[in-house]
Amino acid sequence: TGPVTAGPAVALFAGISVIGAGLAAVAGVDADGVRARERAVGVAVVV
């Protein structure tokens, strides 16, 4: 109910990132494909 603490906020972001990386691993996306996704997400966020 008060200010957010770092632990849960960072853990939520990390958990979502784990899901993304895990789905890529399950699908067999290679290194180039994963790096392309990382760049695309980074560009989308910055834009």
ModelCIF file with pLDDT and N, C-alpha, C, O atoms, coordinates in Angstrom:
data_MODEL
#
_entry.id   MODEL 
#
_entity.id                         1 
_entity.type                       polymer 
_entity.pdbx_number_of_molecules   1 
#
_entity_poly.entity_id                      1 
_entity_poly.type                           'polypeptide(L)' 
_entity_poly.nstd_linkage                   no 
_entity_poly.nstd_monomer                   no 
_entity_poly.pdbx_seq_one_letter_code       TGPVTAGPAVALFAGISVIGAGLAAVAGVDADGVRARERAVGVAVVV 
_entity_poly.pdbx_seq_one_letter_code_can   TGPVTAGPAVALFAGISVIGAGLAAVAGVDADGVRARERAVGVAVVV 
_entity_poly.pdbx_strand_id                 A 
#
loop_
_entity_poly_seq.entity_id 
_entity_poly_seq.num 
_entity_poly_seq.mon_id 
_entity_poly_seq.hetero 
1 1  THR n 
1 2  GLY n 
1 3  PRO n 
1 4  VAL n 
1 5  THR n 
1 6  ALA n 
1 7  GLY n 
1 8  PRO n 
1 9  ALA n 
1 10 VAL n 
1 11 ALA n 
1 12 LEU n 
1 13 PHE n 
1 14 ALA n 
1 15 GLY n 
1 16 ILE n 
1 17 SER n 
1 18 VAL n 
1 19 ILE n 
1 20 GLY n 
1 21 ALA n 
1 22 GLY n 
1 23 LEU n 
1 24 ALA n 
1 25 ALA n 
1 26 VAL n 
1 27 ALA n 
1 28 GLY n 
1 29 VAL n 
1 30 ASP n 
1 31 ALA n 
1 32 ASP n 
1 33 GLY n 
1 34 VAL n 
1 35 ARG n 
1 36 ALA n 
1 37 ARG n 
1 38 GLU n 
1 39 ARG n 
1 40 ALA n 
1 41 VAL n 
1 42 GLY n 
1 43 VAL n 
1 44 ALA n 
1 45 VAL n 
1 46 VAL n 
1 47 VAL n 
#
_struct_asym.id          A 
_struct_asym.entity_id   1 
#
loop_
_ma_qa_metric.id 
_ma_qa_metric.mode 
_ma_qa_metric.name 
_ma_qa_metric.software_group_id 
_ma_qa_metric.type 
1 global pLDDT . pLDDT 
2 local  pLDDT . pLDDT 
#
_ma_qa_metric_global.metric_id      1 
_ma_qa_metric_global.metric_value   94.47 
_ma_qa_metric_global.model_id       1 
_ma_qa_metric_global.ordinal_id     1 
#
loop_
_ma_qa_metric_local.label_asym_id 
_ma_qa_metric_local.label_comp_id 
_ma_qa_metric_local.label_seq_id 
_ma_qa_metric_local.metric_id 
_ma_qa_metric_local.metric_value 
_ma_qa_metric_local.model_id 
_ma_qa_metric_local.ordinal_id 
A THR 1  2 83.00 1 1  
A GLY 2  2 82.00 1 2  
A PRO 3  2 83.00 1 3  
A VAL 4  2 84.00 1 4  
A THR 5  2 87.00 1 5  
A ALA 6  2 90.00 1 6  
A GLY 7  2 94.00 1 7  
A PRO 8  2 95.00 1 8  
A ALA 9  2 94.00 1 9  
A VAL 10 2 96.00 1 10 
A ALA 11 2 97.00 1 11 
A LEU 12 2 97.00 1 12 
A PHE 13 2 96.00 1 13 
A ALA 14 2 98.00 1 14 
A GLY 15 2 98.00 1 15 
A ILE 16 2 97.00 1 16 
A SER 17 2 97.00 1 17 
A VAL 18 2 98.00 1 18 
A ILE 19 2 97.00 1 19 
A GLY 20 2 96.00 1 20 
A ALA 21 2 96.00 1 21 
A GLY 22 2 96.00 1 22 
A LEU 23 2 96.00 1 23 
A ALA 24 2 95.00 1 24 
A ALA 25 2 94.00 1 25 
A VAL 26 2 94.00 1 26 
A ALA 27 2 93.00 1 27 
A GLY 28 2 91.00 1 28 
A VAL 29 2 94.00 1 29 
A ASP 30 2 93.00 1 30 
A ALA 31 2 94.00 1 31 
A ASP 32 2 94.00 1 32 
A GLY 33 2 96.00 1 33 
A VAL 34 2 96.00 1 34 
A ARG 35 2 96.00 1 35 
A ALA 36 2 96.00 1 36 
A ARG 37 2 97.00 1 37 
A GLU 38 2 97.00 1 38 
A ARG 39 2 97.00 1 39 
A ALA 40 2 97.00 1 40 
A VAL 41 2 97.00 1 41 
A GLY 42 2 97.00 1 42 
A VAL 43 2 97.00 1 43 
A ALA 44 2 97.00 1 44 
A VAL 45 2 97.00 1 45 
A VAL 46 2 97.00 1 46 
A VAL 47 2 97.00 1 47 
#
loop_
_atom_site.group_PDB 
_atom_site.id 
_atom_site.type_symbol 
_atom_site.label_atom_id 
_atom_site.label_alt_id 
_atom_site.label_comp_id 
_atom_site.label_asym_id 
_atom_site.label_entity_id 
_atom_site.label_seq_id 
_atom_site.pdbx_PDB_ins_code 
_atom_site.Cartn_x 
_atom_site.Cartn_y 
_atom_site.Cartn_z 
_atom_site.occupancy 
_atom_site.B_iso_or_equiv 
_atom_site.pdbx_formal_charge 
_atom_site.auth_seq_id 
_atom_site.auth_comp_id 
_atom_site.auth_asym_id 
_atom_site.auth_atom_id 
_atom_site.pdbx_PDB_model_num 
ATOM 1   N N  . THR A 1 1  ? 0.823  -1.211  0.000   1.00 83.00 ? 1  THR A N  1 
ATOM 2   C CA . THR A 1 1  ? 0.000  0.000   0.000   1.00 83.00 ? 1  THR A CA 1 
ATOM 3   C C  . THR A 1 1  ? 0.852  1.254   0.000   1.00 83.00 ? 1  THR A C  1 
ATOM 4   O O  . THR A 1 1  ? 0.348  2.354   -0.227  1.00 83.00 ? 1  THR A O  1 
ATOM 5   N N  . GLY A 1 2  ? 2.148  1.091   0.255   1.00 82.00 ? 2  GLY A N  1 
ATOM 6   C CA . GLY A 1 2  ? 3.071  2.223   0.262   1.00 82.00 ? 2  GLY A CA 1 
ATOM 7   C C  . GLY A 1 2  ? 3.988  2.162   -0.938  1.00 82.00 ? 2  GLY A C  1 
ATOM 8   O O  . GLY A 1 2  ? 3.658  1.527   -1.941  1.00 82.00 ? 2  GLY A O  1 
ATOM 9   N N  . PRO A 1 3  ? 5.146  2.818   -0.850  1.00 83.00 ? 3  PRO A N  1 
ATOM 10  C CA . PRO A 1 3  ? 6.101  2.817   -1.964  1.00 83.00 ? 3  PRO A CA 1 
ATOM 11  C C  . PRO A 1 3  ? 6.533  1.395   -2.328  1.00 83.00 ? 3  PRO A C  1 
ATOM 12  O O  . PRO A 1 3  ? 6.671  0.534   -1.459  1.00 83.00 ? 3  PRO A O  1 
ATOM 13  N N  . VAL A 1 4  ? 6.739  1.168   -3.609  1.00 84.00 ? 4  VAL A N  1 
ATOM 14  C CA . VAL A 1 4  ? 7.132  -0.153  -4.066  1.00 84.00 ? 4  VAL A CA 1 
ATOM 15  C C  . VAL A 1 4  ? 8.561  -0.443  -3.634  1.00 84.00 ? 4  VAL A C  1 
ATOM 16  O O  . VAL A 1 4  ? 9.418  0.440   -3.679  1.00 84.00 ? 4  VAL A O  1 
ATOM 17  N N  . THR A 1 5  ? 8.820  -1.673  -3.216  1.00 87.00 ? 5  THR A N  1 
ATOM 18  C CA . THR A 1 5  ? 10.175 -2.079  -2.855  1.00 87.00 ? 5  THR A CA 1 
ATOM 19  C C  . THR A 1 5  ? 10.832 -2.773  -4.045  1.00 87.00 ? 5  THR A C  1 
ATOM 20  O O  . THR A 1 5  ? 10.151 -3.296  -4.927  1.00 87.00 ? 5  THR A O  1 
ATOM 21  N N  . ALA A 1 6  ? 12.155 -2.769  -4.057  1.00 90.00 ? 6  ALA A N  1 
ATOM 22  C CA . ALA A 1 6  ? 12.894 -3.235  -5.229  1.00 90.00 ? 6  ALA A CA 1 
ATOM 23  C C  . ALA A 1 6  ? 12.725 -4.727  -5.486  1.00 90.00 ? 6  ALA A C  1 
ATOM 24  O O  . ALA A 1 6  ? 12.636 -5.150  -6.639  1.00 90.00 ? 6  ALA A O  1 
ATOM 25  N N  . GLY A 1 7  ? 12.680 -5.523  -4.431  1.00 94.00 ? 7  GLY A N  1 
ATOM 26  C CA . GLY A 1 7  ? 12.650 -6.972  -4.598  1.00 94.00 ? 7  GLY A CA 1 
ATOM 27  C C  . GLY A 1 7  ? 11.565 -7.486  -5.532  1.00 94.00 ? 7  GLY A C  1 
ATOM 28  O O  . GLY A 1 7  ? 11.882 -8.089  -6.557  1.00 94.00 ? 7  GLY A O  1 
ATOM 29  N N  . PRO A 1 8  ? 10.290 -7.265  -5.207  1.00 95.00 ? 8  PRO A N  1 
ATOM 30  C CA . PRO A 1 8  ? 9.213  -7.772  -6.069  1.00 95.00 ? 8  PRO A CA 1 
ATOM 31  C C  . PRO A 1 8  ? 9.213  -7.155  -7.459  1.00 95.00 ? 8  PRO A C  1 
ATOM 32  O O  . PRO A 1 8  ? 8.909  -7.839  -8.437  1.00 95.00 ? 8  PRO A O  1 
ATOM 33  N N  . ALA A 1 9  ? 9.550  -5.872  -7.563  1.00 94.00 ? 9  ALA A N  1 
ATOM 34  C CA . ALA A 1 9  ? 9.538  -5.204  -8.872  1.00 94.00 ? 9  ALA A CA 1 
ATOM 35  C C  . ALA A 1 9  ? 10.589 -5.813  -9.800  1.00 94.00 ? 9  ALA A C  1 
ATOM 36  O O  . ALA A 1 9  ? 10.300 -6.097  -10.962 1.00 94.00 ? 9  ALA A O  1 
ATOM 37  N N  . VAL A 1 10 ? 11.797 -6.013  -9.294  1.00 96.00 ? 10 VAL A N  1 
ATOM 38  C CA . VAL A 1 10 ? 12.858 -6.610  -10.106 1.00 96.00 ? 10 VAL A CA 1 
ATOM 39  C C  . VAL A 1 10 ? 12.526 -8.064  -10.419 1.00 96.00 ? 10 VAL A C  1 
ATOM 40  O O  . VAL A 1 10 ? 12.768 -8.539  -11.528 1.00 96.00 ? 10 VAL A O  1 
ATOM 41  N N  . ALA A 1 11 ? 11.965 -8.772  -9.427  1.00 97.00 ? 11 ALA A N  1 
ATOM 42  C CA . ALA A 1 11 ? 11.614 -10.182 -9.640  1.00 97.00 ? 11 ALA A CA 1 
ATOM 43  C C  . ALA A 1 11 ? 10.533 -10.328 -10.708 1.00 97.00 ? 11 ALA A C  1 
ATOM 44  O O  . ALA A 1 11 ? 10.569 -11.268 -11.501 1.00 97.00 ? 11 ALA A O  1 
ATOM 45  N N  . LEU A 1 12 ? 9.571  -9.400  -10.733 1.00 97.00 ? 12 LEU A N  1 
ATOM 46  C CA . LEU A 1 12 ? 8.512  -9.454  -11.755 1.00 97.00 ? 12 LEU A CA 1 
ATOM 47  C C  . LEU A 1 12 ? 9.110  -9.260  -13.140 1.00 97.00 ? 12 LEU A C  1 
ATOM 48  O O  . LEU A 1 12 ? 8.790  -10.005 -14.066 1.00 97.00 ? 12 LEU A O  1 
ATOM 49  N N  . PHE A 1 13 ? 9.968  -8.271  -13.285 1.00 96.00 ? 13 PHE A N  1 
ATOM 50  C CA . PHE A 1 13 ? 10.622 -8.026  -14.568 1.00 96.00 ? 13 PHE A CA 1 
ATOM 51  C C  . PHE A 1 13 ? 11.464 -9.233  -14.976 1.00 96.00 ? 13 PHE A C  1 
ATOM 52  O O  . PHE A 1 13 ? 11.444 -9.649  -16.135 1.00 96.00 ? 13 PHE A O  1 
ATOM 53  N N  . ALA A 1 14 ? 12.205 -9.792  -14.015 1.00 98.00 ? 14 ALA A N  1 
ATOM 54  C CA . ALA A 1 14 ? 13.044 -10.954 -14.316 1.00 98.00 ? 14 ALA A CA 1 
ATOM 55  C C  . ALA A 1 14 ? 12.195 -12.157 -14.708 1.00 98.00 ? 14 ALA A C  1 
ATOM 56  O O  . ALA A 1 14 ? 12.546 -12.893 -15.631 1.00 98.00 ? 14 ALA A O  1 
ATOM 57  N N  . GLY A 1 15 ? 11.073 -12.360 -14.006 1.00 98.00 ? 15 GLY A N  1 
ATOM 58  C CA . GLY A 1 15 ? 10.211 -13.498 -14.316 1.00 98.00 ? 15 GLY A CA 1 
ATOM 59  C C  . GLY A 1 15 ? 9.644  -13.420 -15.716 1.00 98.00 ? 15 GLY A C  1 
ATOM 60  O O  . GLY A 1 15 ? 9.599  -14.422 -16.429 1.00 98.00 ? 15 GLY A O  1 
ATOM 61  N N  . ILE A 1 16 ? 9.205  -12.220 -16.120 1.00 97.00 ? 16 ILE A N  1 
ATOM 62  C CA . ILE A 1 16 ? 8.686  -12.038 -17.474 1.00 97.00 ? 16 ILE A CA 1 
ATOM 63  C C  . ILE A 1 16 ? 9.787  -12.285 -18.498 1.00 97.00 ? 16 ILE A C  1 
ATOM 64  O O  . ILE A 1 16 ? 9.538  -12.880 -19.547 1.00 97.00 ? 16 ILE A O  1 
ATOM 65  N N  . SER A 1 17 ? 11.003 -11.832 -18.200 1.00 97.00 ? 17 SER A N  1 
ATOM 66  C CA . SER A 1 17 ? 12.136 -12.042 -19.102 1.00 97.00 ? 17 SER A CA 1 
ATOM 67  C C  . SER A 1 17 ? 12.485 -13.522 -19.209 1.00 97.00 ? 17 SER A C  1 
ATOM 68  O O  . SER A 1 17 ? 12.848 -14.001 -20.284 1.00 97.00 ? 17 SER A O  1 
ATOM 69  N N  . VAL A 1 18 ? 12.377 -14.247 -18.096 1.00 98.00 ? 18 VAL A N  1 
ATOM 70  C CA . VAL A 1 18 ? 12.634 -15.688 -18.110 1.00 98.00 ? 18 VAL A CA 1 
ATOM 71  C C  . VAL A 1 18 ? 11.637 -16.390 -19.033 1.00 98.00 ? 18 VAL A C  1 
ATOM 72  O O  . VAL A 1 18 ? 12.007 -17.285 -19.794 1.00 98.00 ? 18 VAL A O  1 
ATOM 73  N N  . ILE A 1 19 ? 10.381 -15.979 -18.958 1.00 97.00 ? 19 ILE A N  1 
ATOM 74  C CA . ILE A 1 19 ? 9.362  -16.572 -19.831 1.00 97.00 ? 19 ILE A CA 1 
ATOM 75  C C  . ILE A 1 19 ? 9.734  -16.363 -21.294 1.00 97.00 ? 19 ILE A C  1 
ATOM 76  O O  . ILE A 1 19 ? 9.652  -17.290 -22.099 1.00 97.00 ? 19 ILE A O  1 
ATOM 77  N N  . GLY A 1 20 ? 10.143 -15.144 -21.635 1.00 96.00 ? 20 GLY A N  1 
ATOM 78  C CA . GLY A 1 20 ? 10.513 -14.857 -23.014 1.00 96.00 ? 20 GLY A CA 1 
ATOM 79  C C  . GLY A 1 20 ? 11.688 -15.693 -23.473 1.00 96.00 ? 20 GLY A C  1 
ATOM 80  O O  . GLY A 1 20 ? 11.652 -16.281 -24.554 1.00 96.00 ? 20 GLY A O  1 
ATOM 81  N N  . ALA A 1 21 ? 12.742 -15.752 -22.650 1.00 96.00 ? 21 ALA A N  1 
ATOM 82  C CA . ALA A 1 21 ? 13.919 -16.546 -23.013 1.00 96.00 ? 21 ALA A CA 1 
ATOM 83  C C  . ALA A 1 21 ? 13.577 -18.024 -23.064 1.00 96.00 ? 21 ALA A C  1 
ATOM 84  O O  . ALA A 1 21 ? 14.053 -18.747 -23.939 1.00 96.00 ? 21 ALA A O  1 
ATOM 85  N N  . GLY A 1 22 ? 12.748 -18.475 -22.120 1.00 96.00 ? 22 GLY A N  1 
ATOM 86  C CA . GLY A 1 22 ? 12.378 -19.884 -22.074 1.00 96.00 ? 22 GLY A CA 1 
ATOM 87  C C  . GLY A 1 22 ? 11.576 -20.317 -23.281 1.00 96.00 ? 22 GLY A C  1 
ATOM 88  O O  . GLY A 1 22 ? 11.799 -21.399 -23.823 1.00 96.00 ? 22 GLY A O  1 
ATOM 89  N N  . LEU A 1 23 ? 10.643 -19.478 -23.707 1.00 96.00 ? 23 LEU A N  1 
ATOM 90  C CA . LEU A 1 23 ? 9.856  -19.815 -24.894 1.00 96.00 ? 23 LEU A CA 1 
ATOM 91  C C  . LEU A 1 23 ? 10.747 -19.896 -26.134 1.00 96.00 ? 23 LEU A C  1 
ATOM 92  O O  . LEU A 1 23 ? 10.532 -20.734 -27.010 1.00 96.00 ? 23 LEU A O  1 
ATOM 93  N N  . ALA A 1 24 ? 11.753 -19.012 -26.198 1.00 95.00 ? 24 ALA A N  1 
ATOM 94  C CA . ALA A 1 24 ? 12.695 -19.075 -27.314 1.00 95.00 ? 24 ALA A CA 1 
ATOM 95  C C  . ALA A 1 24 ? 13.497 -20.367 -27.258 1.00 95.00 ? 24 ALA A C  1 
ATOM 96  O O  . ALA A 1 24 ? 13.763 -20.980 -28.292 1.00 95.00 ? 24 ALA A O  1 
ATOM 97  N N  . ALA A 1 25 ? 13.884 -20.785 -26.047 1.00 94.00 ? 25 ALA A N  1 
ATOM 98  C CA . ALA A 1 25 ? 14.642 -22.031 -25.891 1.00 94.00 ? 25 ALA A CA 1 
ATOM 99  C C  . ALA A 1 25 ? 13.792 -23.234 -26.276 1.00 94.00 ? 25 ALA A C  1 
ATOM 100 O O  . ALA A 1 25 ? 14.267 -24.139 -26.963 1.00 94.00 ? 25 ALA A O  1 
ATOM 101 N N  . VAL A 1 26 ? 12.547 -23.247 -25.839 1.00 94.00 ? 26 VAL A N  1 
ATOM 102 C CA . VAL A 1 26 ? 11.646 -24.354 -26.165 1.00 94.00 ? 26 VAL A CA 1 
ATOM 103 C C  . VAL A 1 26 ? 11.426 -24.443 -27.672 1.00 94.00 ? 26 VAL A C  1 
ATOM 104 O O  . VAL A 1 26 ? 11.365 -25.535 -28.238 1.00 94.00 ? 26 VAL A O  1 
ATOM 105 N N  . ALA A 1 27 ? 11.306 -23.277 -28.316 1.00 93.00 ? 27 ALA A N  1 
ATOM 106 C CA . ALA A 1 27 ? 11.067 -23.237 -29.762 1.00 93.00 ? 27 ALA A CA 1 
ATOM 107 C C  . ALA A 1 27 ? 12.339 -23.501 -30.573 1.00 93.00 ? 27 ALA A C  1 
ATOM 108 O O  . ALA A 1 27 ? 12.276 -23.657 -31.792 1.00 93.00 ? 27 ALA A O  1 
ATOM 109 N N  . GLY A 1 28 ? 13.483 -23.550 -29.903 1.00 91.00 ? 28 GLY A N  1 
ATOM 110 C CA . GLY A 1 28 ? 14.730 -23.810 -30.609 1.00 91.00 ? 28 GLY A CA 1 
ATOM 111 C C  . GLY A 1 28 ? 15.243 -22.628 -31.408 1.00 91.00 ? 28 GLY A C  1 
ATOM 112 O O  . GLY A 1 28 ? 15.932 -22.810 -32.412 1.00 91.00 ? 28 GLY A O  1 
ATOM 113 N N  . VAL A 1 29 ? 14.916 -21.415 -30.974 1.00 94.00 ? 29 VAL A N  1 
ATOM 114 C CA . VAL A 1 29 ? 15.403 -20.218 -31.663 1.00 94.00 ? 29 VAL A CA 1 
ATOM 115 C C  . VAL A 1 29 ? 16.916 -20.121 -31.457 1.00 94.00 ? 29 VAL A C  1 
ATOM 116 O O  . VAL A 1 29 ? 17.400 -20.220 -30.330 1.00 94.00 ? 29 VAL A O  1 
ATOM 117 N N  . ASP A 1 30 ? 17.654 -19.929 -32.545 1.00 93.00 ? 30 ASP A N  1 
ATOM 118 C CA . ASP A 1 30 ? 19.112 -19.897 -32.436 1.00 93.00 ? 30 ASP A CA 1 
ATOM 119 C C  . ASP A 1 30 ? 19.598 -18.552 -31.907 1.00 93.00 ? 30 ASP A C  1 
ATOM 120 O O  . ASP A 1 30 ? 18.806 -17.644 -31.657 1.00 93.00 ? 30 ASP A O  1 
ATOM 121 N N  . ALA A 1 31 ? 20.922 -18.439 -31.741 1.00 94.00 ? 31 ALA A N  1 
ATOM 122 C CA . ALA A 1 31 ? 21.498 -17.243 -31.138 1.00 94.00 ? 31 ALA A CA 1 
ATOM 123 C C  . ALA A 1 31 ? 21.172 -15.992 -31.936 1.00 94.00 ? 31 ALA A C  1 
ATOM 124 O O  . ALA A 1 31 ? 20.843 -14.956 -31.360 1.00 94.00 ? 31 ALA A O  1 
ATOM 125 N N  . ASP A 1 32 ? 21.261 -16.078 -33.250 1.00 94.00 ? 32 ASP A N  1 
ATOM 126 C CA . ASP A 1 32 ? 20.959 -14.904 -34.081 1.00 94.00 ? 32 ASP A CA 1 
ATOM 127 C C  . ASP A 1 32 ? 19.505 -14.477 -33.910 1.00 94.00 ? 32 ASP A C  1 
ATOM 128 O O  . ASP A 1 32 ? 19.201 -13.285 -33.844 1.00 94.00 ? 32 ASP A O  1 
ATOM 129 N N  . GLY A 1 33 ? 18.612 -15.457 -33.840 1.00 96.00 ? 33 GLY A N  1 
ATOM 130 C CA . GLY A 1 33 ? 17.199 -15.138 -33.664 1.00 96.00 ? 33 GLY A CA 1 
ATOM 131 C C  . GLY A 1 33 ? 16.920 -14.490 -32.326 1.00 96.00 ? 33 GLY A C  1 
ATOM 132 O O  . GLY A 1 33 ? 16.141 -13.541 -32.246 1.00 96.00 ? 33 GLY A O  1 
ATOM 133 N N  . VAL A 1 34 ? 17.557 -14.999 -31.256 1.00 96.00 ? 34 VAL A N  1 
ATOM 134 C CA . VAL A 1 34 ? 17.352 -14.421 -29.923 1.00 96.00 ? 34 VAL A CA 1 
ATOM 135 C C  . VAL A 1 34 ? 17.923 -13.011 -29.861 1.00 96.00 ? 34 VAL A C  1 
ATOM 136 O O  . VAL A 1 34 ? 17.305 -12.109 -29.297 1.00 96.00 ? 34 VAL A O  1 
ATOM 137 N N  . ARG A 1 35 ? 19.109 -12.825 -30.443 1.00 96.00 ? 35 ARG A N  1 
ATOM 138 C CA . ARG A 1 35 ? 19.702 -11.485 -30.448 1.00 96.00 ? 35 ARG A CA 1 
ATOM 139 C C  . ARG A 1 35 ? 18.835 -10.502 -31.246 1.00 96.00 ? 35 ARG A C  1 
ATOM 140 O O  . ARG A 1 35 ? 18.708 -9.334  -30.878 1.00 96.00 ? 35 ARG A O  1 
ATOM 141 N N  . ALA A 1 36 ? 18.248 -10.985 -32.330 1.00 96.00 ? 36 ALA A N  1 
ATOM 142 C CA . ALA A 1 36 ? 17.354 -10.127 -33.113 1.00 96.00 ? 36 ALA A CA 1 
ATOM 143 C C  . ALA A 1 36 ? 16.157 -9.703  -32.272 1.00 96.00 ? 36 ALA A C  1 
ATOM 144 O O  . ALA A 1 36 ? 15.704 -8.562  -32.358 1.00 96.00 ? 36 ALA A O  1 
ATOM 145 N N  . ARG A 1 37 ? 15.647 -10.624 -31.460 1.00 97.00 ? 37 ARG A N  1 
ATOM 146 C CA . ARG A 1 37 ? 14.522 -10.291 -30.587 1.00 97.00 ? 37 ARG A CA 1 
ATOM 147 C C  . ARG A 1 37 ? 14.939 -9.282  -29.523 1.00 97.00 ? 37 ARG A C  1 
ATOM 148 O O  . ARG A 1 37 ? 14.204 -8.343  -29.220 1.00 97.00 ? 37 ARG A O  1 
ATOM 149 N N  . GLU A 1 38 ? 16.126 -9.488  -28.961 1.00 97.00 ? 38 GLU A N  1 
ATOM 150 C CA . GLU A 1 38 ? 16.613 -8.545  -27.952 1.00 97.00 ? 38 GLU A CA 1 
ATOM 151 C C  . GLU A 1 38 ? 16.747 -7.146  -28.533 1.00 97.00 ? 38 GLU A C  1 
ATOM 152 O O  . GLU A 1 38 ? 16.331 -6.168  -27.912 1.00 97.00 ? 38 GLU A O  1 
ATOM 153 N N  . ARG A 1 39 ? 17.328 -7.052  -29.722 1.00 97.00 ? 39 ARG A N  1 
ATOM 154 C CA . ARG A 1 39 ? 17.473 -5.740  -30.361 1.00 97.00 ? 39 ARG A CA 1 
ATOM 155 C C  . ARG A 1 39 ? 16.118 -5.126  -30.662 1.00 97.00 ? 39 ARG A C  1 
ATOM 156 O O  . ARG A 1 39 ? 15.912 -3.932  -30.447 1.00 97.00 ? 39 ARG A O  1 
ATOM 157 N N  . ALA A 1 40 ? 15.194 -5.938  -31.160 1.00 97.00 ? 40 ALA A N  1 
ATOM 158 C CA . ALA A 1 40 ? 13.869 -5.419  -31.523 1.00 97.00 ? 40 ALA A CA 1 
ATOM 159 C C  . ALA A 1 40 ? 13.132 -4.880  -30.307 1.00 97.00 ? 40 ALA A C  1 
ATOM 160 O O  . ALA A 1 40 ? 12.517 -3.815  -30.373 1.00 97.00 ? 40 ALA A O  1 
ATOM 161 N N  . VAL A 1 41 ? 13.190 -5.611  -29.198 1.00 97.00 ? 41 VAL A N  1 
ATOM 162 C CA . VAL A 1 41 ? 12.529 -5.146  -27.980 1.00 97.00 ? 41 VAL A CA 1 
ATOM 163 C C  . VAL A 1 41 ? 13.190 -3.867  -27.473 1.00 97.00 ? 41 VAL A C  1 
ATOM 164 O O  . VAL A 1 41 ? 12.509 -2.929  -27.060 1.00 97.00 ? 41 VAL A O  1 
ATOM 165 N N  . GLY A 1 42 ? 14.521 -3.838  -27.509 1.00 97.00 ? 42 GLY A N  1 
ATOM 166 C CA . GLY A 1 42 ? 15.228 -2.638  -27.077 1.00 97.00 ? 42 GLY A CA 1 
ATOM 167 C C  . GLY A 1 42 ? 14.842 -1.427  -27.896 1.00 97.00 ? 42 GLY A C  1 
ATOM 168 O O  . GLY A 1 42 ? 14.600 -0.353  -27.346 1.00 97.00 ? 42 GLY A O  1 
ATOM 169 N N  . VAL A 1 43 ? 14.780 -1.592  -29.217 1.00 97.00 ? 43 VAL A N  1 
ATOM 170 C CA . VAL A 1 43 ? 14.386 -0.486  -30.090 1.00 97.00 ? 43 VAL A CA 1 
ATOM 171 C C  . VAL A 1 43 ? 12.944 -0.067  -29.802 1.00 97.00 ? 43 VAL A C  1 
ATOM 172 O O  . VAL A 1 43 ? 12.644 1.126   -29.741 1.00 97.00 ? 43 VAL A O  1 
ATOM 173 N N  . ALA A 1 44 ? 12.053 -1.043  -29.625 1.00 97.00 ? 44 ALA A N  1 
ATOM 174 C CA . ALA A 1 44 ? 10.650 -0.728  -29.356 1.00 97.00 ? 44 ALA A CA 1 
ATOM 175 C C  . ALA A 1 44 ? 10.499 0.077   -28.074 1.00 97.00 ? 44 ALA A C  1 
ATOM 176 O O  . ALA A 1 44 ? 9.724  1.031   -28.023 1.00 97.00 ? 44 ALA A O  1 
ATOM 177 N N  . VAL A 1 45 ? 11.238 -0.305  -27.044 1.00 97.00 ? 45 VAL A N  1 
ATOM 178 C CA . VAL A 1 45 ? 11.161 0.404   -25.760 1.00 97.00 ? 45 VAL A CA 1 
ATOM 179 C C  . VAL A 1 45 ? 11.719 1.813   -25.899 1.00 97.00 ? 45 VAL A C  1 
ATOM 180 O O  . VAL A 1 45 ? 11.117 2.773   -25.419 1.00 97.00 ? 45 VAL A O  1 
ATOM 181 N N  . VAL A 1 46 ? 12.872 1.941   -26.556 1.00 97.00 ? 46 VAL A N  1 
ATOM 182 C CA . VAL A 1 46 ? 13.491 3.260   -26.713 1.00 97.00 ? 46 VAL A CA 1 
ATOM 183 C C  . VAL A 1 46 ? 12.600 4.187   -27.548 1.00 97.00 ? 46 VAL A C  1 
ATOM 184 O O  . VAL A 1 46 ? 12.418 5.355   -27.206 1.00 97.00 ? 46 VAL A O  1 
ATOM 185 N N  . VAL A 1 47 ? 12.052 3.660   -28.637 1.00 97.00 ? 47 VAL A N  1 
ATOM 186 C CA . VAL A 1 47 ? 11.180 4.475   -29.493 1.00 97.00 ? 47 VAL A CA 1 
ATOM 187 C C  . VAL A 1 47 ? 9.942  4.920   -28.714 1.00 97.00 ? 47 VAL A C  1 
ATOM 188 O O  . VAL A 1 47 ? 9.085  5.615   -29.260 1.00 97.00 ? 47 VAL A O  1 
#
